[in-house]
Each structure stands twice: as structure tokens, then as C-alpha cells.
């Protein structure tokens, strides 16, 4: 099972990233636990300076931009 975190304060880009993650999981059939982190203090623990951030299994995969569904599927299946 993959552990996915979407970090961002709730801006439109962060919401789109979260939606894209859910759709990518649905399309790929990968089992995943998805957590959306919006709390600034919690995000600071990850040393994040720019959002949105997509983390898969505690590794930053995408930072500062919205990842499209196909890109996320590729990351999930890698």
C-alpha cells in the first residue's frame, strides 16, 4: 500500500492536486492511504517552502506545481 501526502494550505492548486491524486488512484487501481495536510505548522515539519507538494512513501515527488493525473499514475506504478 502506498502512503500519499498532499501538502498545501488549501489553495486552488493544492485542491486540484488532491483531486488529481484521488482520480489517479481510482484509474490505476493502486491501494493507497491519502492524507491532505493543510496545517502550516505540520507542513513546516517537512521543510516545505513552496506548495503544493506531493509525497509518496515519504519522498517528495512533485513540488510547486500541479501534477496531472497521468503523471501521478506513473509515479504510483513506478
PDB file of N, CA and C in Angstrom:
ATOM      1  N   UNK A   1       0.836  -1.183   0.000  1.00  0.00           N
ATOM      2  CA  UNK A   1       0.000   0.000   0.000  1.00  0.00           C
ATOM      3  C   UNK A   1       0.878   1.243   0.000  1.00  0.00           C
ATOM      4  N   UNK A   2       0.522   2.191  -0.845  1.00  0.00           N
ATOM      5  CA  UNK A   2       1.252   3.461  -0.929  1.00  0.00           C
ATOM      6  C   UNK A   2       0.721   4.427   0.125  1.00  0.00           C
ATOM      7  N   UNK A   3       1.606   5.257   0.639  1.00  0.00           N
ATOM      8  CA  UNK A   3       1.236   6.309   1.585  1.00  0.00           C
ATOM      9  C   UNK A   3       1.480   7.641   0.889  1.00  0.00           C
ATOM     10  N   UNK A   4       0.397   8.366   0.661  1.00  0.00           N
ATOM     11  CA  UNK A   4       0.464   9.603  -0.111  1.00  0.00           C
ATOM     12  C   UNK A   4       0.069  10.771   0.777  1.00  0.00           C
ATOM     13  N   UNK A   5       0.845  11.849   0.648  1.00  0.00           N
ATOM     14  CA  UNK A   5       0.527  13.086   1.358  1.00  0.00           C
ATOM     15  C   UNK A   5       0.500  14.223   0.352  1.00  0.00           C
ATOM     16  N   UNK A   6      -0.540  15.047   0.460  1.00  0.00           N
ATOM     17  CA  UNK A   6      -0.620  16.271  -0.328  1.00  0.00           C
ATOM     18  C   UNK A   6      -0.520  17.410   0.673  1.00  0.00           C
ATOM     19  N   UNK A   7       0.528  18.211   0.538  1.00  0.00           N
ATOM     20  CA  UNK A   7       0.750  19.316   1.455  1.00  0.00           C
ATOM     21  C   UNK A   7       0.437  20.633   0.767  1.00  0.00           C
ATOM     22  N   UNK A   8      -0.364  21.454   1.430  1.00  0.00           N
ATOM     23  CA  UNK A   8      -0.701  22.764   0.901  1.00  0.00           C
ATOM     24  C   UNK A   8      -1.746  23.418   1.780  1.00  0.00           C
ATOM     25  N   UNK A   9      -1.782  24.749   1.797  1.00  0.00           N
ATOM     26  CA  UNK A   9      -2.660  25.470   2.713  1.00  0.00           C
ATOM     27  C   UNK A   9      -4.129  25.517   2.291  1.00  0.00           C
ATOM     28  N   UNK A  10      -4.492  24.872   1.208  1.00  0.00           N
ATOM     29  CA  UNK A  10      -5.882  24.886   0.769  1.00  0.00           C
ATOM     30  C   UNK A  10      -6.120  25.769  -0.437  1.00  0.00           C
ATOM     31  N   UNK A  11      -5.066  26.166  -1.109  1.00  0.00           N
ATOM     32  CA  UNK A  11      -5.179  26.998  -2.308  1.00  0.00           C
ATOM     33  C   UNK A  11      -5.760  26.161  -3.466  1.00  0.00           C
ATOM     34  N   UNK A  12      -6.222  26.798  -4.535  1.00  0.00           N
ATOM     35  CA  UNK A  12      -6.780  26.045  -5.663  1.00  0.00           C
ATOM     36  C   UNK A  12      -5.823  24.997  -6.239  1.00  0.00           C
ATOM     37  N   UNK A  13      -4.529  25.307  -6.321  1.00  0.00           N
ATOM     38  CA  UNK A  13      -3.562  24.338  -6.847  1.00  0.00           C
ATOM     39  C   UNK A  13      -3.464  23.118  -5.938  1.00  0.00           C
ATOM     40  N   UNK A  14      -3.525  23.342  -4.639  1.00  0.00           N
ATOM     41  CA  UNK A  14      -3.442  22.241  -3.680  1.00  0.00           C
ATOM     42  C   UNK A  14      -4.680  21.353  -3.783  1.00  0.00           C
ATOM     43  N   UNK A  15      -5.845  21.977  -3.920  1.00  0.00           N
ATOM     44  CA  UNK A  15      -7.091  21.224  -4.051  1.00  0.00           C
ATOM     45  C   UNK A  15      -7.101  20.419  -5.343  1.00  0.00           C
ATOM     46  N   UNK A  16      -6.598  21.006  -6.423  1.00  0.00           N
ATOM     47  CA  UNK A  16      -6.538  20.299  -7.697  1.00  0.00           C
ATOM     48  C   UNK A  16      -5.595  19.113  -7.600  1.00  0.00           C
ATOM     49  N   UNK A  17      -4.453  19.306  -6.947  1.00  0.00           N
ATOM     50  CA  UNK A  17      -3.503  18.206  -6.765  1.00  0.00           C
ATOM     51  C   UNK A  17      -4.158  17.061  -6.001  1.00  0.00           C
ATOM     52  N   UNK A  18      -4.871  17.383  -4.935  1.00  0.00           N
ATOM     53  CA  UNK A  18      -5.545  16.353  -4.137  1.00  0.00           C
ATOM     54  C   UNK A  18      -6.575  15.600  -4.980  1.00  0.00           C
ATOM     55  N   UNK A  19      -7.372  16.339  -5.749  1.00  0.00           N
ATOM     56  CA  UNK A  19      -8.376  15.728  -6.630  1.00  0.00           C
ATOM     57  C   UNK A  19      -7.712  14.830  -7.666  1.00  0.00           C
ATOM     58  N   UNK A  20      -6.611  15.300  -8.240  1.00  0.00           N
ATOM     59  CA  UNK A  20      -5.882  14.505  -9.239  1.00  0.00           C
ATOM     60  C   UNK A  20      -5.322  13.222  -8.632  1.00  0.00           C
ATOM     61  N   UNK A  21      -4.850  13.300  -7.397  1.00  0.00           N
ATOM     62  CA  UNK A  21      -4.331  12.111  -6.712  1.00  0.00           C
ATOM     63  C   UNK A  21      -5.441  11.075  -6.551  1.00  0.00           C
ATOM     64  N   UNK A  22      -6.602  11.520  -6.100  1.00  0.00           N
ATOM     65  CA  UNK A  22      -7.721  10.591  -5.910  1.00  0.00           C
ATOM     66  C   UNK A  22      -8.125   9.939  -7.228  1.00  0.00           C
ATOM     67  N   UNK A  23      -8.158  10.728  -8.304  1.00  0.00           N
ATOM     68  CA  UNK A  23      -8.531  10.189  -9.614  1.00  0.00           C
ATOM     69  C   UNK A  23      -7.460   9.225 -10.126  1.00  0.00           C
ATOM     70  N   UNK A  24      -6.194   9.543  -9.924  1.00  0.00           N
ATOM     71  CA  UNK A  24      -5.102   8.663 -10.366  1.00  0.00           C
ATOM     72  C   UNK A  24      -5.157   7.323  -9.640  1.00  0.00           C
ATOM     73  N   UNK A  25      -5.467   7.350  -8.367  1.00  0.00           N
ATOM     74  CA  UNK A  25      -5.596   6.109  -7.594  1.00  0.00           C
ATOM     75  C   UNK A  25      -6.741   5.277  -8.145  1.00  0.00           C
ATOM     76  N   UNK A  26      -7.854   5.941  -8.398  1.00  0.00           N
ATOM     77  CA  UNK A  26      -9.032   5.258  -8.926  1.00  0.00           C
ATOM     78  C   UNK A  26      -8.734   4.603 -10.279  1.00  0.00           C
ATOM     79  N   UNK A  27      -8.067   5.348 -11.157  1.00  0.00           N
ATOM     80  CA  UNK A  27      -7.765   4.842 -12.505  1.00  0.00           C
ATOM     81  C   UNK A  27      -6.718   3.731 -12.490  1.00  0.00           C
ATOM     82  N   UNK A  28      -5.751   3.824 -11.594  1.00  0.00           N
ATOM     83  CA  UNK A  28      -4.647   2.860 -11.596  1.00  0.00           C
ATOM     84  C   UNK A  28      -4.954   1.606 -10.775  1.00  0.00           C
ATOM     85  N   UNK A  29      -5.907   1.716  -9.861  1.00  0.00           N
ATOM     86  CA  UNK A  29      -6.244   0.573  -9.021  1.00  0.00           C
ATOM     87  C   UNK A  29      -5.243   0.306  -7.911  1.00  0.00           C
ATOM     88  N   UNK A  30      -4.342   1.245  -7.678  1.00  0.00           N
ATOM     89  CA  UNK A  30      -3.336   1.098  -6.619  1.00  0.00           C
ATOM     90  C   UNK A  30      -3.994   1.346  -5.259  1.00  0.00           C
ATOM     91  N   UNK A  31      -3.656   0.507  -4.287  1.00  0.00           N
ATOM     92  CA  UNK A  31      -4.137   0.734  -2.922  1.00  0.00           C
ATOM     93  C   UNK A  31      -3.278   1.821  -2.298  1.00  0.00           C
ATOM     94  N   UNK A  32      -3.953   2.838  -1.750  1.00  0.00           N
ATOM     95  CA  UNK A  32      -3.199   3.945  -1.180  1.00  0.00           C
ATOM     96  C   UNK A  32      -3.963   4.592  -0.039  1.00  0.00           C
ATOM     97  N   UNK A  33      -3.205   5.077   0.912  1.00  0.00           N
ATOM     98  CA  UNK A  33      -3.710   5.863   2.017  1.00  0.00           C
ATOM     99  C   UNK A  33      -3.349   7.312   1.700  1.00  0.00           C
ATOM    100  N   UNK A  34      -4.360   8.185   1.578  1.00  0.00           N
ATOM    101  CA  UNK A  34      -4.110   9.573   1.187  1.00  0.00           C
ATOM    102  C   UNK A  34      -4.420  10.502   2.353  1.00  0.00           C
ATOM    103  N   UNK A  35      -3.454  11.387   2.638  1.00  0.00           N
ATOM    104  CA  UNK A  35      -3.615  12.369   3.706  1.00  0.00           C
ATOM    105  C   UNK A  35      -3.389  13.748   3.100  1.00  0.00           C
ATOM    106  N   UNK A  36      -4.290  14.673   3.419  1.00  0.00           N
ATOM    107  CA  UNK A  36      -4.135  16.059   2.969  1.00  0.00           C
ATOM    108  C   UNK A  36      -3.719  16.878   4.184  1.00  0.00           C
ATOM    109  N   UNK A  37      -2.576  17.519   4.097  1.00  0.00           N
ATOM    110  CA  UNK A  37      -2.049  18.307   5.212  1.00  0.00           C
ATOM    111  C   UNK A  37      -2.140  19.789   4.854  1.00  0.00           C
ATOM    112  N   UNK A  38      -2.986  20.510   5.613  1.00  0.00           N
ATOM    113  CA  UNK A  38      -3.194  21.934   5.355  1.00  0.00           C
ATOM    114  C   UNK A  38      -2.636  22.815   6.463  1.00  0.00           C
ATOM    115  N   UNK A  39      -2.314  22.211   7.604  1.00  0.00           N
ATOM    116  CA  UNK A  39      -1.817  22.967   8.746  1.00  0.00           C
ATOM    117  C   UNK A  39      -0.381  23.442   8.492  1.00  0.00           C
ATOM    118  N   UNK A  40      -0.182  24.739   8.604  1.00  0.00           N
ATOM    119  CA  UNK A  40       1.131  25.341   8.316  1.00  0.00           C
ATOM    120  C   UNK A  40       2.220  24.753   9.213  1.00  0.00           C
ATOM    121  N   UNK A  41       1.928  24.609  10.503  1.00  0.00           N
ATOM    122  CA  UNK A  41       2.930  24.073  11.431  1.00  0.00           C
ATOM    123  C   UNK A  41       3.305  22.633  11.069  1.00  0.00           C
ATOM    124  N   UNK A  42       2.319  21.849  10.649  1.00  0.00           N
ATOM    125  CA  UNK A  42       2.583  20.467  10.248  1.00  0.00           C
ATOM    126  C   UNK A  42       3.439  20.453   8.971  1.00  0.00           C
ATOM    127  N   UNK A  43       3.133  21.344   8.021  1.00  0.00           N
ATOM    128  CA  UNK A  43       3.914  21.410   6.777  1.00  0.00           C
ATOM    129  C   UNK A  43       5.359  21.801   7.062  1.00  0.00           C
ATOM    130  N   UNK A  44       5.573  22.655   8.050  1.00  0.00           N
ATOM    131  CA  UNK A  44       6.933  23.096   8.381  1.00  0.00           C
ATOM    132  C   UNK A  44       7.802  21.931   8.847  1.00  0.00           C
ATOM    133  N   UNK A  45       7.193  20.894   9.402  1.00  0.00           N
ATOM    134  CA  UNK A  45       7.945  19.717   9.843  1.00  0.00           C
ATOM    135  C   UNK A  45       8.608  19.013   8.657  1.00  0.00           C
ATOM    136  N   UNK A  46       8.056  19.220   7.461  1.00  0.00           N
ATOM    137  CA  UNK A  46       8.606  18.592   6.256  1.00  0.00           C
ATOM    138  C   UNK A  46       9.562  19.527   5.510  1.00  0.00           C
ATOM    139  N   UNK A  47       9.820  20.718   6.086  1.00  0.00           N
ATOM    140  CA  UNK A  47      10.722  21.696   5.478  1.00  0.00           C
ATOM    141  C   UNK A  47      10.244  22.095   4.075  1.00  0.00           C
ATOM    142  N   UNK A  48       8.948  22.333   3.960  1.00  0.00           N
ATOM    143  CA  UNK A  48       8.324  22.689   2.692  1.00  0.00           C
ATOM    144  C   UNK A  48       8.251  24.205   2.588  1.00  0.00           C
ATOM    145  N   UNK A  49       8.775  24.743   1.502  1.00  0.00           N
ATOM    146  CA  UNK A  49       8.755  26.193   1.301  1.00  0.00           C
ATOM    147  C   UNK A  49       7.809  26.613   0.181  1.00  0.00           C
ATOM    148  N   UNK A  50       7.438  25.689  -0.685  1.00  0.00           N
ATOM    149  CA  UNK A  50       6.565  26.000  -1.802  1.00  0.00           C
ATOM    150  C   UNK A  50       5.547  24.871  -1.944  1.00  0.00           C
ATOM    151  N   UNK A  51       4.305  25.250  -2.227  1.00  0.00           N
ATOM    152  CA  UNK A  51       3.236  24.254  -2.335  1.00  0.00           C
ATOM    153  C   UNK A  51       2.587  24.354  -3.714  1.00  0.00           C
ATOM    154  N   UNK A  52       1.860  23.367  -4.120  1.00  0.00           N
ATOM    155  CA  UNK A  52       1.575  22.116  -3.442  1.00  0.00           C
ATOM    156  C   UNK A  52       2.754  21.146  -3.514  1.00  0.00           C
ATOM    157  N   UNK A  53       2.749  20.190  -2.595  1.00  0.00           N
ATOM    158  CA  UNK A  53       3.764  19.137  -2.573  1.00  0.00           C
ATOM    159  C   UNK A  53       3.047  17.791  -2.570  1.00  0.00           C
ATOM    160  N   UNK A  54       3.519  16.895  -3.420  1.00  0.00           N
ATOM    161  CA  UNK A  54       3.010  15.531  -3.464  1.00  0.00           C
ATOM    162  C   UNK A  54       4.109  14.607  -2.968  1.00  0.00           C
ATOM    163  N   UNK A  55       3.814  13.888  -1.886  1.00  0.00           N
ATOM    164  CA  UNK A  55       4.764  12.935  -1.327  1.00  0.00           C
ATOM    165  C   UNK A  55       4.191  11.531  -1.475  1.00  0.00           C
ATOM    166  N   UNK A  56       5.024  10.613  -1.919  1.00  0.00           N
ATOM    167  CA  UNK A  56       4.642   9.215  -1.996  1.00  0.00           C
ATOM    168  C   UNK A  56       5.660   8.426  -1.187  1.00  0.00           C
ATOM    169  N   UNK A  57       5.163   7.686  -0.210  1.00  0.00           N
ATOM    170  CA  UNK A  57       6.023   6.908   0.693  1.00  0.00           C
ATOM    171  C   UNK A  57       7.140   7.774   1.285  1.00  0.00           C
ATOM    172  N   UNK A  58       6.755   8.952   1.762  1.00  0.00           N
ATOM    173  CA  UNK A  58       7.633   9.914   2.446  1.00  0.00           C
ATOM    174  C   UNK A  58       8.745  10.486   1.571  1.00  0.00           C
ATOM    175  N   UNK A  59       8.603  10.414   0.266  1.00  0.00           N
ATOM    176  CA  UNK A  59       9.548  11.049  -0.652  1.00  0.00           C
ATOM    177  C   UNK A  59       8.811  12.115  -1.463  1.00  0.00           C
ATOM    178  N   UNK A  60       9.394  13.306  -1.541  1.00  0.00           N
ATOM    179  CA  UNK A  60       8.793  14.370  -2.333  1.00  0.00           C
ATOM    180  C   UNK A  60       8.932  14.012  -3.811  1.00  0.00           C
ATOM    181  N   UNK A  61       7.805  13.963  -4.503  1.00  0.00           N
ATOM    182  CA  UNK A  61       7.793  13.613  -5.927  1.00  0.00           C
ATOM    183  C   UNK A  61       7.506  14.820  -6.803  1.00  0.00           C
ATOM    184  N   UNK A  62       6.637  15.718  -6.328  1.00  0.00           N
ATOM    185  CA  UNK A  62       6.286  16.919  -7.088  1.00  0.00           C
ATOM    186  C   UNK A  62       6.208  18.077  -6.103  1.00  0.00           C
ATOM    187  N   UNK A  63       6.776  19.212  -6.513  1.00  0.00           N
ATOM    188  CA  UNK A  63       6.822  20.379  -5.635  1.00  0.00           C
ATOM    189  C   UNK A  63       6.536  21.646  -6.444  1.00  0.00           C
ATOM    190  N   UNK A  64       5.639  22.485  -5.934  1.00  0.00           N
ATOM    191  CA  UNK A  64       5.414  23.805  -6.509  1.00  0.00           C
ATOM    192  C   UNK A  64       4.590  23.857  -7.775  1.00  0.00           C
ATOM    193  N   UNK A  65       3.950  22.751  -8.136  1.00  0.00           N
ATOM    194  CA  UNK A  65       3.092  22.753  -9.329  1.00  0.00           C
ATOM    195  C   UNK A  65       2.063  21.640  -9.197  1.00  0.00           C
ATOM    196  N   UNK A  66       1.045  21.735 -10.030  1.00  0.00           N
ATOM    197  CA  UNK A  66       0.004  20.710 -10.038  1.00  0.00           C
ATOM    198  C   UNK A  66       0.448  19.562 -10.935  1.00  0.00           C
ATOM    199  N   UNK A  67       0.485  18.370 -10.381  1.00  0.00           N
ATOM    200  CA  UNK A  67       0.814  17.175 -11.168  1.00  0.00           C
ATOM    201  C   UNK A  67      -0.464  16.687 -11.832  1.00  0.00           C
ATOM    202  N   UNK A  68      -0.383  16.370 -13.132  1.00  0.00           N
ATOM    203  CA  UNK A  68      -1.596  15.874 -13.791  1.00  0.00           C
ATOM    204  C   UNK A  68      -1.811  14.397 -13.456  1.00  0.00           C
ATOM    205  N   UNK A  69      -2.990  13.920 -13.784  1.00  0.00           N
ATOM    206  CA  UNK A  69      -3.398  12.570 -13.402  1.00  0.00           C
ATOM    207  C   UNK A  69      -2.450  11.512 -13.966  1.00  0.00           C
ATOM    208  N   UNK A  70      -2.073  11.630 -15.227  1.00  0.00           N
ATOM    209  CA  UNK A  70      -1.190  10.635 -15.836  1.00  0.00           C
ATOM    210  C   UNK A  70       0.186  10.610 -15.176  1.00  0.00           C
ATOM    211  N   UNK A  71       0.699  11.773 -14.819  1.00  0.00           N
ATOM    212  CA  UNK A  71       1.991  11.831 -14.129  1.00  0.00           C
ATOM    213  C   UNK A  71       1.905  11.137 -12.766  1.00  0.00           C
ATOM    214  N   UNK A  72       0.823  11.382 -12.049  1.00  0.00           N
ATOM    215  CA  UNK A  72       0.656  10.760 -10.741  1.00  0.00           C
ATOM    216  C   UNK A  72       0.523   9.251 -10.885  1.00  0.00           C
ATOM    217  N   UNK A  73      -0.215   8.800 -11.893  1.00  0.00           N
ATOM    218  CA  UNK A  73      -0.334   7.351 -12.126  1.00  0.00           C
ATOM    219  C   UNK A  73       1.039   6.743 -12.387  1.00  0.00           C
ATOM    220  N   UNK A  74       1.867   7.414 -13.168  1.00  0.00           N
ATOM    221  CA  UNK A  74       3.218   6.915 -13.437  1.00  0.00           C
ATOM    222  C   UNK A  74       4.025   6.809 -12.155  1.00  0.00           C
ATOM    223  N   UNK A  75       3.906   7.790 -11.288  1.00  0.00           N
ATOM    224  CA  UNK A  75       4.628   7.775 -10.008  1.00  0.00           C
ATOM    225  C   UNK A  75       4.129   6.644  -9.113  1.00  0.00           C
ATOM    226  N   UNK A  76       2.842   6.404  -9.139  1.00  0.00           N
ATOM    227  CA  UNK A  76       2.264   5.348  -8.297  1.00  0.00           C
ATOM    228  C   UNK A  76       2.690   3.961  -8.763  1.00  0.00           C
ATOM    229  N   UNK A  77       2.840   3.807 -10.067  1.00  0.00           N
ATOM    230  CA  UNK A  77       3.158   2.486 -10.634  1.00  0.00           C
ATOM    231  C   UNK A  77       4.653   2.241 -10.737  1.00  0.00           C
ATOM    232  N   UNK A  78       5.465   3.259 -10.435  1.00  0.00           N
ATOM    233  CA  UNK A  78       6.922   3.112 -10.547  1.00  0.00           C
ATOM    234  C   UNK A  78       7.484   2.245  -9.447  1.00  0.00           C
TER     235      UNK A  78
END
